[in-house]
Amino acid sequence: SVADRIGSRIIAEGLDTLEELQTLGKLGIPFGQGW
């Protein structure tokens, strides 16, 4: 929500599982990196 208001995008670091990826997608986090 803060990132949206200031015009930033979030990168989630350390994604290891599909469940983490799915949850972040539901939360509207657009980018990720990890194993």
All heavy atoms as atom14 arrays in JSON, in Angstrom:
{
  "sequence": "SVADRIGSRIIAEGLDTLEELQTLGKLGIPFGQGW",
  "atom14_mask": [
    [1, 1, 1, 1, 1, 1, 0, 0, 0, 0, 0, 0, 0, 0],
    [1, 1, 1, 1, 1, 1, 1, 0, 0, 0, 0, 0, 0, 0],
    [1, 1, 1, 1, 1, 0, 0, 0, 0, 0, 0, 0, 0, 0],
    [1, 1, 1, 1, 1, 1, 1, 1, 0, 0, 0, 0, 0, 0],
    [1, 1, 1, 1, 1, 1, 1, 1, 1, 1, 1, 0, 0, 0],
    [1, 1, 1, 1, 1, 1, 1, 1, 0, 0, 0, 0, 0, 0],
    [1, 1, 1, 1, 0, 0, 0, 0, 0, 0, 0, 0, 0, 0],
    [1, 1, 1, 1, 1, 1, 0, 0, 0, 0, 0, 0, 0, 0],
    [1, 1, 1, 1, 1, 1, 1, 1, 1, 1, 1, 0, 0, 0],
    [1, 1, 1, 1, 1, 1, 1, 1, 0, 0, 0, 0, 0, 0],
    [1, 1, 1, 1, 1, 1, 1, 1, 0, 0, 0, 0, 0, 0],
    [1, 1, 1, 1, 1, 0, 0, 0, 0, 0, 0, 0, 0, 0],
    [1, 1, 1, 1, 1, 1, 1, 1, 1, 0, 0, 0, 0, 0],
    [1, 1, 1, 1, 0, 0, 0, 0, 0, 0, 0, 0, 0, 0],
    [1, 1, 1, 1, 1, 1, 1, 1, 0, 0, 0, 0, 0, 0],
    [1, 1, 1, 1, 1, 1, 1, 1, 0, 0, 0, 0, 0, 0],
    [1, 1, 1, 1, 1, 1, 1, 0, 0, 0, 0, 0, 0, 0],
    [1, 1, 1, 1, 1, 1, 1, 1, 0, 0, 0, 0, 0, 0],
    [1, 1, 1, 1, 1, 1, 1, 1, 1, 0, 0, 0, 0, 0],
    [1, 1, 1, 1, 1, 1, 1, 1, 1, 0, 0, 0, 0, 0],
    [1, 1, 1, 1, 1, 1, 1, 1, 0, 0, 0, 0, 0, 0],
    [1, 1, 1, 1, 1, 1, 1, 1, 1, 0, 0, 0, 0, 0],
    [1, 1, 1, 1, 1, 1, 1, 0, 0, 0, 0, 0, 0, 0],
    [1, 1, 1, 1, 1, 1, 1, 1, 0, 0, 0, 0, 0, 0],
    [1, 1, 1, 1, 0, 0, 0, 0, 0, 0, 0, 0, 0, 0],
    [1, 1, 1, 1, 1, 1, 1, 1, 1, 0, 0, 0, 0, 0],
    [1, 1, 1, 1, 1, 1, 1, 1, 0, 0, 0, 0, 0, 0],
    [1, 1, 1, 1, 0, 0, 0, 0, 0, 0, 0, 0, 0, 0],
    [1, 1, 1, 1, 1, 1, 1, 1, 0, 0, 0, 0, 0, 0],
    [1, 1, 1, 1, 1, 1, 1, 0, 0, 0, 0, 0, 0, 0],
    [1, 1, 1, 1, 1, 1, 1, 1, 1, 1, 1, 0, 0, 0],
    [1, 1, 1, 1, 0, 0, 0, 0, 0, 0, 0, 0, 0, 0],
    [1, 1, 1, 1, 1, 1, 1, 1, 1, 0, 0, 0, 0, 0],
    [1, 1, 1, 1, 0, 0, 0, 0, 0, 0, 0, 0, 0, 0],
    [1, 1, 1, 1, 1, 1, 1, 1, 1, 1, 1, 1, 1, 1]
  ],
  "atom14_positions": [
    [[0.82, -1.2, 0.0], [0.0, 0.0, 0.0], [0.87, 1.26, 0.0], [0.61, 2.2, -0.75], [-0.94, -0.01, 1.21], [-1.7, 1.15, 1.25], [0.0, 0.0, 0.0], [0.0, 0.0, 0.0], [0.0, 0.0, 0.0], [0.0, 0.0, 0.0], [0.0, 0.0, 0.0], [0.0, 0.0, 0.0], [0.0, 0.0, 0.0], [0.0, 0.0, 0.0]],
    [[1.89, 1.26, 0.83], [2.82, 2.41, 0.87], [3.54, 2.54, -0.48], [3.65, 3.63, -1.04], [3.84, 2.26, 2.02], [4.94, 3.31, 1.91], [3.13, 2.35, 3.36], [0.0, 0.0, 0.0], [0.0, 0.0, 0.0], [0.0, 0.0, 0.0], [0.0, 0.0, 0.0], [0.0, 0.0, 0.0], [0.0, 0.0, 0.0], [0.0, 0.0, 0.0]],
    [[4.03, 1.42, -1.0], [4.74, 1.44, -2.28], [3.84, 2.0, -3.39], [4.29, 2.81, -4.21], [5.22, 0.04, -2.64], [0.0, 0.0, 0.0], [0.0, 0.0, 0.0], [0.0, 0.0, 0.0], [0.0, 0.0, 0.0], [0.0, 0.0, 0.0], [0.0, 0.0, 0.0], [0.0, 0.0, 0.0], [0.0, 0.0, 0.0], [0.0, 0.0, 0.0]],
    [[2.59, 1.59, -3.4], [1.65, 2.11, -4.41], [1.52, 3.63, -4.31], [1.5, 4.33, -5.32], [0.27, 1.47, -4.24], [0.23, 0.01, -4.65], [1.2, -0.47, -5.29], [-0.76, -0.67, -4.31], [0.0, 0.0, 0.0], [0.0, 0.0, 0.0], [0.0, 0.0, 0.0], [0.0, 0.0, 0.0], [0.0, 0.0, 0.0], [0.0, 0.0, 0.0]],
    [[1.44, 4.12, -3.08], [1.25, 5.57, -2.88], [2.47, 6.39, -3.27], [2.32, 7.55, -3.65], [0.86, 5.86, -1.45], [-0.62, 5.55, -1.21], [-1.05, 5.94, 0.17], [-1.06, 4.69, 0.93], [-0.76, 4.54, 2.19], [-0.43, 5.58, 2.92], [-0.8, 3.37, 2.77], [0.0, 0.0, 0.0], [0.0, 0.0, 0.0], [0.0, 0.0, 0.0]],
    [[3.67, 5.81, -3.17], [4.86, 6.59, -3.52], [5.41, 6.23, -4.9], [6.46, 6.72, -5.3], [5.97, 6.44, -2.45], [6.5, 5.0, -2.38], [5.48, 6.92, -1.09], [7.72, 4.84, -1.48], [0.0, 0.0, 0.0], [0.0, 0.0, 0.0], [0.0, 0.0, 0.0], [0.0, 0.0, 0.0], [0.0, 0.0, 0.0], [0.0, 0.0, 0.0]],
    [[4.69, 5.38, -5.62], [5.09, 5.04, -6.99], [6.23, 4.04, -7.09], [6.98, 4.06, -8.06], [0.0, 0.0, 0.0], [0.0, 0.0, 0.0], [0.0, 0.0, 0.0], [0.0, 0.0, 0.0], [0.0, 0.0, 0.0], [0.0, 0.0, 0.0], [0.0, 0.0, 0.0], [0.0, 0.0, 0.0], [0.0, 0.0, 0.0], [0.0, 0.0, 0.0]],
    [[6.36, 3.18, -6.09], [7.4, 2.15, -6.09], [6.79, 0.77, -6.32], [5.6, 0.58, -6.11], [8.14, 2.14, -4.75], [8.81, 3.34, -4.52], [0.0, 0.0, 0.0], [0.0, 0.0, 0.0], [0.0, 0.0, 0.0], [0.0, 0.0, 0.0], [0.0, 0.0, 0.0], [0.0, 0.0, 0.0], [0.0, 0.0, 0.0], [0.0, 0.0, 0.0]],
    [[7.63, -0.16, -6.73], [7.2, -1.54, -6.88], [8.04, -2.41, -5.96], [9.2, -2.1, -5.68], [7.34, -1.99, -8.33], [6.35, -1.21, -9.23], [6.5, -1.57, -10.65], [7.72, -0.92, -11.16], [8.17, -1.06, -12.39], [7.54, -1.82, -13.24], [9.26, -0.44, -12.77], [0.0, 0.0, 0.0], [0.0, 0.0, 0.0], [0.0, 0.0, 0.0]],
    [[7.48, -3.51, -5.5], [8.14, -4.38, -4.53], [8.75, -5.59, -5.22], [8.12, -6.21, -6.08], [7.15, -4.82, -3.44], [6.68, -3.6, -2.65], [7.78, -5.87, -2.52], [5.64, -3.91, -1.6], [0.0, 0.0, 0.0], [0.0, 0.0, 0.0], [0.0, 0.0, 0.0], [0.0, 0.0, 0.0], [0.0, 0.0, 0.0], [0.0, 0.0, 0.0]],
    [[9.96, -5.92, -4.78], [10.63, -7.15, -5.18], [10.75, -8.02, -3.92], [11.35, -7.6, -2.94], [12.05, -6.89, -5.73], [11.99, -5.97, -6.94], [12.73, -8.23, -6.09], [13.37, -5.5, -7.41], [0.0, 0.0, 0.0], [0.0, 0.0, 0.0], [0.0, 0.0, 0.0], [0.0, 0.0, 0.0], [0.0, 0.0, 0.0], [0.0, 0.0, 0.0]],
    [[10.16, -9.19, -3.94], [10.24, -10.12, -2.82], [11.44, -11.03, -3.03], [11.56, -11.69, -4.07], [8.97, -10.94, -2.7], [0.0, 0.0, 0.0], [0.0, 0.0, 0.0], [0.0, 0.0, 0.0], [0.0, 0.0, 0.0], [0.0, 0.0, 0.0], [0.0, 0.0, 0.0], [0.0, 0.0, 0.0], [0.0, 0.0, 0.0], [0.0, 0.0, 0.0]],
    [[12.32, -11.06, -2.06], [13.56, -11.82, -2.15], [13.42, -13.16, -1.41], [12.77, -13.24, -0.39], [14.67, -10.99, -1.5], [16.04, -11.57, -1.57], [17.05, -10.67, -0.91], [16.88, -10.32, 0.27], [18.01, -10.28, -1.59], [0.0, 0.0, 0.0], [0.0, 0.0, 0.0], [0.0, 0.0, 0.0], [0.0, 0.0, 0.0], [0.0, 0.0, 0.0]],
    [[14.05, -14.19, -1.96], [14.12, -15.46, -1.27], [12.92, -16.38, -1.46], [12.6, -17.17, -0.56], [0.0, 0.0, 0.0], [0.0, 0.0, 0.0], [0.0, 0.0, 0.0], [0.0, 0.0, 0.0], [0.0, 0.0, 0.0], [0.0, 0.0, 0.0], [0.0, 0.0, 0.0], [0.0, 0.0, 0.0], [0.0, 0.0, 0.0], [0.0, 0.0, 0.0]],
    [[12.29, -16.3, -2.61], [11.16, -17.2, -2.88], [11.67, -18.62, -3.09], [12.49, -18.87, -3.95], [10.41, -16.75, -4.14], [9.42, -15.62, -3.94], [9.15, -14.92, -5.24], [8.17, -16.16, -3.33], [0.0, 0.0, 0.0], [0.0, 0.0, 0.0], [0.0, 0.0, 0.0], [0.0, 0.0, 0.0], [0.0, 0.0, 0.0], [0.0, 0.0, 0.0]],
    [[11.17, -19.54, -2.27], [11.6, -20.92, -2.35], [10.49, -21.89, -2.76], [10.78, -22.97, -3.25], [12.17, -21.39, -1.01], [13.46, -20.67, -0.64], [14.2, -20.25, -1.56], [13.73, -20.52, 0.56], [0.0, 0.0, 0.0], [0.0, 0.0, 0.0], [0.0, 0.0, 0.0], [0.0, 0.0, 0.0], [0.0, 0.0, 0.0], [0.0, 0.0, 0.0]],
    [[9.23, -21.52, -2.53], [8.13, -22.46, -2.78], [7.03, -21.83, -3.62], [6.87, -20.61, -3.66], [7.51, -22.94, -1.45], [6.82, -21.84, -0.84], [8.55, -23.5, -0.51], [0.0, 0.0, 0.0], [0.0, 0.0, 0.0], [0.0, 0.0, 0.0], [0.0, 0.0, 0.0], [0.0, 0.0, 0.0], [0.0, 0.0, 0.0], [0.0, 0.0, 0.0]],
    [[6.28, -22.7, -4.27], [5.12, -22.24, -5.04], [4.08, -21.58, -4.14], [3.41, -20.63, -4.54], [4.49, -23.39, -5.81], [5.25, -23.88, -7.04], [4.59, -25.13, -7.61], [5.32, -22.79, -8.1], [0.0, 0.0, 0.0], [0.0, 0.0, 0.0], [0.0, 0.0, 0.0], [0.0, 0.0, 0.0], [0.0, 0.0, 0.0], [0.0, 0.0, 0.0]],
    [[3.95, -22.08, -2.91], [2.98, -21.52, -1.97], [3.33, -20.08, -1.62], [2.45, -19.21, -1.53], [2.9, -22.38, -0.7], [2.31, -23.76, -0.92], [3.3, -24.78, -1.49], [4.51, -24.51, -1.55], [2.83, -25.86, -1.89], [0.0, 0.0, 0.0], [0.0, 0.0, 0.0], [0.0, 0.0, 0.0], [0.0, 0.0, 0.0], [0.0, 0.0, 0.0]],
    [[4.62, -19.81, -1.43], [5.05, -18.43, -1.18], [4.73, -17.55, -2.38], [4.2, -16.44, -2.24], [6.56, -18.38, -0.88], [6.94, -19.01, 0.43], [8.43, -19.24, 0.58], [9.19, -19.15, -0.42], [8.85, -19.51, 1.72], [0.0, 0.0, 0.0], [0.0, 0.0, 0.0], [0.0, 0.0, 0.0], [0.0, 0.0, 0.0], [0.0, 0.0, 0.0]],
    [[5.02, -18.05, -3.58], [4.75, -17.31, -4.81], [3.26, -17.01, -4.96], [2.87, -15.88, -5.26], [5.26, -18.09, -6.02], [4.99, -17.48, -7.38], [5.73, -16.16, -7.55], [5.39, -18.46, -8.48], [0.0, 0.0, 0.0], [0.0, 0.0, 0.0], [0.0, 0.0, 0.0], [0.0, 0.0, 0.0], [0.0, 0.0, 0.0], [0.0, 0.0, 0.0]],
    [[2.42, -18.0, -4.72], [0.98, -17.81, -4.84], [0.47, -16.78, -3.84], [-0.36, -15.92, -4.17], [0.25, -19.14, -4.65], [0.48, -20.1, -5.79], [0.0, -21.5, -5.48], [-0.16, -21.9, -4.33], [-0.22, -22.29, -6.54], [0.0, 0.0, 0.0], [0.0, 0.0, 0.0], [0.0, 0.0, 0.0], [0.0, 0.0, 0.0], [0.0, 0.0, 0.0]],
    [[0.96, -16.86, -2.62], [0.54, -15.91, -1.58], [0.95, -14.49, -1.94], [0.16, -13.56, -1.83], [1.12, -16.3, -0.21], [0.64, -17.61, 0.12], [0.71, -15.32, 0.87], [0.0, 0.0, 0.0], [0.0, 0.0, 0.0], [0.0, 0.0, 0.0], [0.0, 0.0, 0.0], [0.0, 0.0, 0.0], [0.0, 0.0, 0.0], [0.0, 0.0, 0.0]],
    [[2.19, -14.32, -2.41], [2.66, -12.99, -2.8], [1.85, -12.46, -3.98], [1.54, -11.27, -4.04], [4.15, -13.02, -3.13], [5.04, -13.23, -1.9], [6.46, -13.57, -2.34], [5.04, -12.01, -1.0], [0.0, 0.0, 0.0], [0.0, 0.0, 0.0], [0.0, 0.0, 0.0], [0.0, 0.0, 0.0], [0.0, 0.0, 0.0], [0.0, 0.0, 0.0]],
    [[1.48, -13.34, -4.89], [0.63, -12.93, -6.0], [-0.72, -12.42, -5.53], [-1.22, -11.4, -6.0], [0.0, 0.0, 0.0], [0.0, 0.0, 0.0], [0.0, 0.0, 0.0], [0.0, 0.0, 0.0], [0.0, 0.0, 0.0], [0.0, 0.0, 0.0], [0.0, 0.0, 0.0], [0.0, 0.0, 0.0], [0.0, 0.0, 0.0], [0.0, 0.0, 0.0]],
    [[-1.31, -13.11, -4.57], [-2.58, -12.68, -4.01], [-2.46, -11.34, -3.28], [-3.42, -10.57, -3.2], [-3.13, -13.74, -3.05], [-3.6, -14.99, -3.74], [-4.02, -16.05, -2.73], [-4.33, -17.36, -3.42], [-4.59, -18.45, -2.47], [0.0, 0.0, 0.0], [0.0, 0.0, 0.0], [0.0, 0.0, 0.0], [0.0, 0.0, 0.0], [0.0, 0.0, 0.0]],
    [[-1.26, -11.08, -2.73], [-1.03, -9.81, -2.03], [-0.67, -8.67, -2.99], [-0.51, -7.54, -2.56], [0.1, -9.98, -1.0], [-0.2, -10.92, 0.16], [1.06, -11.15, 0.99], [-1.31, -10.35, 1.03], [0.0, 0.0, 0.0], [0.0, 0.0, 0.0], [0.0, 0.0, 0.0], [0.0, 0.0, 0.0], [0.0, 0.0, 0.0], [0.0, 0.0, 0.0]],
    [[-0.53, -8.98, -4.27], [-0.23, -7.96, -5.26], [1.24, -7.58, -5.35], [1.56, -6.49, -5.83], [0.0, 0.0, 0.0], [0.0, 0.0, 0.0], [0.0, 0.0, 0.0], [0.0, 0.0, 0.0], [0.0, 0.0, 0.0], [0.0, 0.0, 0.0], [0.0, 0.0, 0.0], [0.0, 0.0, 0.0], [0.0, 0.0, 0.0], [0.0, 0.0, 0.0]],
    [[2.12, -8.47, -4.92], [3.56, -8.21, -5.03], [3.99, -8.64, -6.43], [3.9, -9.82, -6.79], [4.35, -8.99, -3.95], [3.78, -8.73, -2.55], [5.83, -8.67, -4.04], [3.81, -7.29, -2.11], [0.0, 0.0, 0.0], [0.0, 0.0, 0.0], [0.0, 0.0, 0.0], [0.0, 0.0, 0.0], [0.0, 0.0, 0.0], [0.0, 0.0, 0.0]],
    [[4.48, -7.7, -7.26], [4.68, -7.99, -8.68], [5.98, -8.69, -9.07], [6.05, -9.29, -10.13], [4.63, -6.61, -9.33], [5.14, -5.69, -8.28], [4.66, -6.27, -6.98], [0.0, 0.0, 0.0], [0.0, 0.0, 0.0], [0.0, 0.0, 0.0], [0.0, 0.0, 0.0], [0.0, 0.0, 0.0], [0.0, 0.0, 0.0], [0.0, 0.0, 0.0]],
    [[7.01, -8.64, -8.23], [8.31, -9.2, -8.6], [8.88, -10.06, -7.49], [8.62, -9.8, -6.32], [9.32, -8.08, -8.91], [8.91, -7.19, -10.03], [8.36, -5.95, -9.77], [9.08, -7.58, -11.35], [7.98, -5.11, -10.79], [8.69, -6.74, -12.39], [8.14, -5.51, -12.11], [0.0, 0.0, 0.0], [0.0, 0.0, 0.0], [0.0, 0.0, 0.0]],
    [[9.67, -11.06, -7.88], [10.31, -11.91, -6.9], [11.57, -12.52, -7.45], [11.79, -12.55, -8.66], [0.0, 0.0, 0.0], [0.0, 0.0, 0.0], [0.0, 0.0, 0.0], [0.0, 0.0, 0.0], [0.0, 0.0, 0.0], [0.0, 0.0, 0.0], [0.0, 0.0, 0.0], [0.0, 0.0, 0.0], [0.0, 0.0, 0.0], [0.0, 0.0, 0.0]],
    [[12.39, -12.98, -6.53], [13.6, -13.7, -6.91], [13.85, -14.76, -5.86], [13.39, -14.64, -4.73], [14.79, -12.76, -7.03], [15.22, -12.12, -5.71], [16.35, -11.14, -5.89], [16.2, -10.16, -6.58], [17.47, -11.43, -5.26], [0.0, 0.0, 0.0], [0.0, 0.0, 0.0], [0.0, 0.0, 0.0], [0.0, 0.0, 0.0], [0.0, 0.0, 0.0]],
    [[14.56, -15.8, -6.26], [14.87, -16.86, -5.31], [15.11, -18.19, -5.99], [15.03, -18.31, -7.22], [0.0, 0.0, 0.0], [0.0, 0.0, 0.0], [0.0, 0.0, 0.0], [0.0, 0.0, 0.0], [0.0, 0.0, 0.0], [0.0, 0.0, 0.0], [0.0, 0.0, 0.0], [0.0, 0.0, 0.0], [0.0, 0.0, 0.0], [0.0, 0.0, 0.0]],
    [[15.38, -19.19, -5.17], [15.67, -20.52, -5.67], [14.52, -21.11, -6.47], [14.74, -21.98, -7.32], [16.02, -21.46, -4.51], [17.38, -21.21, -3.94], [17.66, -20.52, -2.78], [18.62, -21.61, -4.49], [19.01, -20.48, -2.59], [19.63, -21.14, -3.62], [18.99, -22.3, -5.63], [20.98, -21.36, -3.87], [20.33, -22.52, -5.86], [21.31, -22.06, -4.99]]
  ]
}
